[in-house]
Amino acid sequence: MKEEIEVLKRLAEKALKELDEAYKRIPDVNNGKAYLWRGKERVRLMLKILNDMEV
């Protein structure tokens, strides 16, 4: 179980980094930044939950 949580943490950290990069590059049109921002917040929440789940 601990290995699965570690893998999920790494995947969430990578996703958050990629969303941050995309957020910086996307123009401020068509609500694109809003969608990315919400995605970042969801991944950040998942990462917080995973970090709090220390097994």
Protein backbone atom coordinates (compact mmCIF):
# COMPACT_ATOMS: atom_id res chain seq x y z
CA MET A 1 0.00 0.00 0.00
CA LYS A 2 2.82 2.40 0.83
CA GLU A 3 4.39 1.94 -2.62
CA GLU A 4 1.10 2.76 -4.35
CA ILE A 5 0.74 5.96 -2.33
CA GLU A 6 4.31 6.99 -3.21
CA VAL A 7 3.60 6.39 -6.92
CA LEU A 8 0.40 8.43 -6.70
CA LYS A 9 2.30 11.24 -4.96
CA ARG A 10 4.92 11.34 -7.71
CA LEU A 11 2.25 11.33 -10.41
CA ALA A 12 0.33 14.14 -8.69
CA GLU A 13 3.51 16.20 -8.26
CA LYS A 14 4.35 15.74 -11.95
CA ALA A 15 0.80 16.65 -13.00
CA LEU A 16 0.90 19.76 -10.83
CA LYS A 17 4.21 20.83 -12.36
CA GLU A 18 2.86 20.30 -15.89
CA LEU A 19 -0.33 22.23 -15.09
CA ASP A 20 1.76 25.10 -13.69
CA GLU A 21 3.81 25.20 -16.89
CA ALA A 22 0.69 25.15 -19.07
CA TYR A 23 -0.96 27.87 -16.95
CA LYS A 24 2.02 30.17 -17.47
CA ARG A 25 1.98 29.67 -21.25
CA ILE A 26 -1.71 29.78 -22.14
CA PRO A 27 -3.19 33.09 -23.26
CA ASP A 28 -5.91 34.62 -21.12
CA VAL A 29 -8.82 33.78 -23.46
CA ASN A 30 -11.74 31.33 -23.64
CA ASN A 31 -11.55 30.53 -19.89
CA GLY A 32 -8.50 28.35 -20.54
CA LYS A 33 -6.68 29.68 -17.51
CA ALA A 34 -9.72 29.11 -15.32
CA TYR A 35 -9.92 25.44 -16.35
CA LEU A 36 -6.20 24.96 -15.72
CA TRP A 37 -6.41 26.74 -12.37
CA ARG A 38 -9.26 24.48 -11.23
CA GLY A 39 -7.31 21.44 -12.39
CA LYS A 40 -4.26 22.62 -10.44
CA GLU A 41 -6.38 23.06 -7.33
CA ARG A 42 -7.83 19.54 -7.66
CA VAL A 43 -4.39 18.00 -8.06
CA ARG A 44 -3.08 20.08 -5.14
CA LEU A 45 -5.95 18.78 -2.98
CA MET A 46 -5.25 15.18 -4.01
CA LEU A 47 -1.57 15.66 -3.18
CA LYS A 48 -2.47 17.08 0.24
CA ILE A 49 -4.71 14.07 0.94
CA LEU A 50 -1.98 11.67 -0.16
CA ASN A 51 0.59 13.42 2.03
CA ASP A 52 -1.78 13.20 5.00
CA MET A 53 -2.28 9.44 4.41
CA GLU A 54 1.10 8.38 5.77
CA VAL A 55 0.83 4.61 6.19
